[in-house]
Amino acid sequence: MMKVTYLGHSGFLLEMESIYCLFDYYRGEFPKWDCDKKMAVFVSHAHYDHFGKEIFRLRDYFSDICFILSSDIDTPADEDILFIGPNEETDVFGMNVRTLRSNDQGVAYLLHCGGRTIYHAGDLNWWHWEGESEAFNKMIRRTYQSEINKLQQEKIDLAFVPVDPRLGEQYCWGLDCFMKRTDTKYVFPMHFWENYKVFDRLMLEKCTEEYVDRIVKIEREGQTFLLEI
């Protein structure tokens, strides 16, 4: 069993038997901690809506803590900080951590932890913007599909993938590509700028029909989910 708490935007807290994994926190209230557990804090890149310096206050609560930060983040080095770039791999608290290259900034994370596989996209997405050139949008599509193809041999238990309403009709292209090219049990749409209506829209899309039962619907900040993983 895994407990997932939505903290806002792309921020999620995962609680497992002996460890917490915190992703892309920049706002939101934390639940009560079990400070005897380990804490792994992941930040995908330096954008303000993914990186809040308040994360370093967690040192006051956890004796076993590690900050896994994308190498584009400018913050002083410390013994509990691990900087990681695209296409790198490391081990943290017994977890295997692998990165993909974001086509925006920073990295996406793939974790193998206690027999579970977890993916957090950061800002790796199919960013098709109407105002951009055809060449730019083609480059974004190709780089996104190339990175997602690297996950095709994985059995992903839990994924967090952007669905940004600012993209207009193309808001779900990245999610659709991800779900159709990977074997994913549960997916949490994220990066939707608190526009919760995006979930009703997703449920009605023709393209989501084959995996709609695997989309986890978020209704508010602080909402928690117990998943059988």
Protein backbone atom coordinates (compact mmCIF):
# COMPACT_ATOMS: atom_id res chain seq x y z
CA MET A 1 0.00 0.00 0.00
CA MET A 2 1.21 3.52 -0.80
CA LYS A 3 -0.19 6.84 0.41
CA VAL A 4 -0.07 9.75 -2.05
CA THR A 5 -0.82 13.33 -1.01
CA TYR A 6 -1.40 16.06 -3.60
CA LEU A 7 0.31 19.25 -2.43
CA GLY A 8 -0.50 21.47 -5.40
CA HIS A 9 0.54 21.90 -9.04
CA SER A 10 3.27 19.26 -9.58
CA GLY A 11 3.96 18.66 -5.90
CA PHE A 12 3.28 15.22 -4.42
CA LEU A 13 4.25 13.39 -1.26
CA LEU A 14 4.55 9.60 -1.39
CA GLU A 15 4.62 7.61 1.83
CA MET A 16 5.88 4.05 1.83
CA GLU A 17 6.79 1.62 4.59
CA SER A 18 10.09 3.22 5.61
CA ILE A 19 10.49 6.27 3.39
CA TYR A 20 8.83 9.43 2.09
CA CYS A 21 9.43 10.74 -1.43
CA LEU A 22 8.60 14.40 -1.98
CA PHE A 23 8.43 15.71 -5.55
CA ASP A 24 8.59 19.29 -6.85
CA TYR A 25 7.26 21.00 -3.74
CA TYR A 26 6.85 24.75 -3.74
CA ARG A 27 3.65 25.23 -1.74
CA GLY A 28 0.96 23.38 0.17
CA GLU A 29 0.57 21.96 3.68
CA PHE A 30 2.28 18.77 4.71
CA PRO A 31 0.46 16.04 6.62
CA LYS A 32 1.78 14.91 9.99
CA TRP A 33 5.17 13.28 9.65
CA ASP A 34 6.58 10.05 10.92
CA CYS A 35 10.04 11.47 11.47
CA ASP A 36 11.53 8.02 12.03
CA LYS A 37 11.21 7.40 8.30
CA LYS A 38 13.74 8.49 5.70
CA MET A 39 12.96 11.47 3.47
CA ALA A 40 14.03 11.76 -0.18
CA VAL A 41 13.27 15.17 -1.70
CA PHE A 42 13.25 15.37 -5.50
CA VAL A 43 13.32 18.60 -7.51
CA SER A 44 13.10 18.30 -11.29
CA HIS A 45 14.31 21.80 -12.20
CA ALA A 46 14.72 25.37 -11.01
CA HIS A 47 11.40 26.93 -12.12
CA TYR A 48 9.64 28.61 -9.20
CA ASP A 49 6.58 26.36 -9.50
CA HIS A 50 8.72 23.25 -8.95
CA PHE A 51 11.40 24.39 -6.48
CA GLY A 52 10.66 26.02 -3.15
CA LYS A 53 13.62 26.64 -0.85
CA GLU A 54 11.34 25.81 2.09
CA ILE A 55 12.22 22.16 1.42
CA PHE A 56 15.49 22.66 3.27
CA ARG A 57 13.56 23.25 6.49
CA LEU A 58 12.77 19.54 6.44
CA ARG A 59 16.24 19.04 7.89
CA ASP A 60 14.73 20.12 11.20
CA TYR A 61 12.42 17.09 11.17
CA PHE A 62 14.32 14.24 9.54
CA SER A 63 17.68 12.87 10.58
CA ASP A 64 17.85 10.72 7.43
CA ILE A 65 17.22 13.10 4.53
CA CYS A 66 18.59 13.52 1.03
CA PHE A 67 17.83 16.24 -1.52
CA ILE A 68 18.07 15.02 -5.11
CA LEU A 69 18.24 18.17 -7.21
CA SER A 70 18.45 18.69 -10.94
CA SER A 71 21.89 20.04 -11.87
CA ASP A 72 20.39 23.29 -13.22
CA ILE A 73 19.46 24.36 -9.67
CA ASP A 74 21.73 27.01 -8.20
CA THR A 75 21.98 26.35 -4.49
CA PRO A 76 25.00 25.80 -2.21
CA ALA A 77 26.30 22.26 -2.08
CA ASP A 78 25.94 20.31 1.14
CA GLU A 79 26.55 16.78 2.33
CA ASP A 80 22.85 15.89 2.09
CA ILE A 81 22.41 17.33 -1.43
CA LEU A 82 22.89 15.23 -4.55
CA PHE A 83 22.94 17.06 -7.88
CA ILE A 84 21.92 14.96 -10.87
CA GLY A 85 21.79 15.67 -14.59
CA PRO A 86 19.90 14.11 -17.49
CA ASN A 87 20.50 10.45 -18.32
CA GLU A 88 22.22 9.71 -15.03
CA GLU A 89 21.64 6.98 -12.47
CA THR A 90 22.33 6.70 -8.74
CA ASP A 91 21.15 5.00 -5.56
CA VAL A 92 19.56 6.82 -2.63
CA PHE A 93 18.35 5.06 0.55
CA GLY A 94 18.22 1.78 -1.36
CA MET A 95 16.24 3.30 -4.23
CA ASN A 96 17.54 3.26 -7.76
CA VAL A 97 17.10 6.75 -9.27
CA ARG A 98 17.33 7.31 -13.01
CA THR A 99 16.76 10.52 -14.95
CA LEU A 100 15.46 11.46 -18.38
CA ARG A 101 16.24 14.73 -20.14
CA SER A 102 13.44 17.28 -19.99
CA ASN A 103 12.62 19.11 -23.22
CA ASP A 104 11.91 22.19 -21.11
CA GLN A 105 14.38 22.37 -18.23
CA GLY A 106 16.01 19.88 -15.88
CA VAL A 107 15.09 16.22 -15.61
CA ALA A 108 12.31 13.68 -15.17
CA TYR A 109 12.72 10.97 -12.51
CA LEU A 110 12.26 7.21 -12.65
CA LEU A 111 12.51 5.43 -9.30
CA HIS A 112 12.72 1.75 -8.43
CA CYS A 113 11.87 1.43 -4.75
CA GLY A 114 10.78 -1.63 -2.80
CA GLY A 115 9.59 -3.46 -5.88
CA ARG A 116 7.70 -0.38 -7.14
CA THR A 117 8.42 1.79 -10.17
CA ILE A 118 7.54 5.48 -9.95
CA TYR A 119 7.81 8.17 -12.63
CA HIS A 120 7.63 11.95 -12.15
CA ALA A 121 7.85 13.94 -15.38
CA GLY A 122 8.81 17.34 -14.01
CA ASP A 123 8.36 19.52 -17.10
CA LEU A 124 9.08 16.81 -19.65
CA ASN A 125 5.99 17.09 -21.82
CA TRP A 126 4.63 17.44 -25.34
CA TRP A 127 4.62 21.26 -25.25
CA HIS A 128 2.75 22.09 -28.46
CA TRP A 129 2.23 25.85 -28.41
CA GLU A 130 0.03 27.45 -31.07
CA GLY A 131 2.22 30.58 -31.19
CA GLU A 132 5.46 28.72 -31.84
CA SER A 133 6.93 27.79 -35.20
CA GLU A 134 6.28 24.45 -36.85
CA ALA A 135 9.97 23.62 -36.52
CA PHE A 136 9.92 24.27 -32.75
CA ASN A 137 6.81 22.18 -32.16
CA LYS A 138 8.25 19.37 -34.30
CA MET A 139 11.44 19.41 -32.22
CA ILE A 140 9.44 19.27 -28.98
CA ARG A 141 7.36 16.34 -30.26
CA ARG A 142 10.42 14.39 -31.33
CA THR A 143 12.35 14.96 -28.12
CA TYR A 144 9.34 14.06 -25.99
CA GLN A 145 8.58 10.86 -27.85
CA SER A 146 12.25 9.88 -27.81
CA GLU A 147 12.44 10.22 -24.01
CA ILE A 148 9.14 8.39 -23.39
CA ASN A 149 10.29 5.55 -25.64
CA LYS A 150 13.05 4.89 -23.09
CA LEU A 151 10.33 3.78 -20.65
CA GLN A 152 8.69 1.19 -22.87
CA GLN A 153 10.34 -1.77 -21.12
CA GLU A 154 9.27 -0.56 -17.65
CA LYS A 155 6.22 -1.64 -15.69
CA ILE A 156 5.33 1.67 -14.04
CA ASP A 157 3.17 1.47 -10.94
CA LEU A 158 2.66 5.20 -10.45
CA ALA A 159 3.22 8.16 -12.78
CA PHE A 160 2.82 11.93 -12.57
CA VAL A 161 2.40 13.58 -15.98
CA PRO A 162 1.58 17.20 -17.03
CA VAL A 163 -1.78 18.20 -18.54
CA ASP A 164 -1.40 21.96 -18.93
CA PRO A 165 -4.65 23.75 -19.94
CA ARG A 166 -2.62 26.62 -21.42
CA LEU A 167 -1.86 24.33 -24.35
CA GLY A 168 -5.46 24.49 -25.53
CA GLU A 169 -6.67 21.47 -27.48
CA GLN A 170 -3.18 19.95 -27.19
CA TYR A 171 -3.27 19.85 -23.37
CA CYS A 172 -3.49 16.04 -23.21
CA TRP A 173 -1.11 15.05 -26.01
CA GLY A 174 1.73 14.35 -23.60
CA LEU A 175 -0.42 12.25 -21.28
CA ASP A 176 -1.90 10.32 -24.18
CA CYS A 177 1.50 9.55 -25.68
CA PHE A 178 2.82 8.46 -22.29
CA MET A 179 -0.10 6.18 -21.47
CA LYS A 180 -0.14 4.54 -24.90
CA ARG A 181 3.62 3.91 -24.99
CA THR A 182 4.12 2.73 -21.40
CA ASP A 183 2.67 0.06 -19.15
CA THR A 184 1.40 2.26 -16.30
CA LYS A 185 -0.98 1.20 -13.53
CA TYR A 186 -1.96 4.61 -12.11
CA VAL A 187 -1.39 8.09 -13.51
CA PHE A 188 -1.86 11.41 -11.73
CA PRO A 189 -2.30 14.35 -14.12
CA MET A 190 -0.46 17.41 -12.79
CA HIS A 191 0.70 20.92 -13.69
CA PHE A 192 -2.90 21.96 -14.39
CA TRP A 193 -2.69 25.29 -12.54
CA GLU A 194 -5.49 24.36 -10.11
CA ASN A 195 -7.97 24.07 -12.98
CA TYR A 196 -9.69 20.96 -11.65
CA LYS A 197 -12.16 20.98 -14.54
CA VAL A 198 -9.37 19.46 -16.60
CA PHE A 199 -10.26 16.08 -15.06
CA ASP A 200 -13.84 16.18 -16.32
CA ARG A 201 -12.48 17.10 -19.73
CA LEU A 202 -9.99 14.22 -19.67
CA MET A 203 -12.69 11.70 -18.82
CA LEU A 204 -14.62 12.68 -21.97
CA GLU A 205 -11.73 12.66 -24.43
CA LYS A 206 -11.90 10.01 -27.12
CA CYS A 207 -8.17 9.39 -26.82
CA THR A 208 -8.33 8.48 -23.11
CA GLU A 209 -11.00 5.77 -23.45
CA GLU A 210 -8.58 2.85 -23.23
CA TYR A 211 -6.92 4.05 -20.01
CA VAL A 212 -9.47 6.35 -18.36
CA ASP A 213 -9.86 3.93 -15.44
CA ARG A 214 -6.17 4.41 -14.65
CA ILE A 215 -6.40 8.20 -14.34
CA VAL A 216 -6.55 9.35 -10.72
CA LYS A 217 -8.90 12.31 -10.31
CA ILE A 218 -7.68 15.10 -8.04
CA GLU A 219 -10.28 17.39 -6.48
CA ARG A 220 -8.35 19.59 -4.02
CA GLU A 221 -4.98 20.37 -2.49
CA GLY A 222 -4.12 18.15 0.43
CA GLN A 223 -6.18 15.27 -0.93
CA THR A 224 -4.76 11.85 -0.08
CA PHE A 225 -5.01 8.58 -1.96
CA LEU A 226 -4.33 5.02 -0.75
CA LEU A 227 -3.16 2.89 -3.65
CA GLU A 228 -2.64 -0.85 -3.69
CA ILE A 229 0.87 -0.89 -5.05
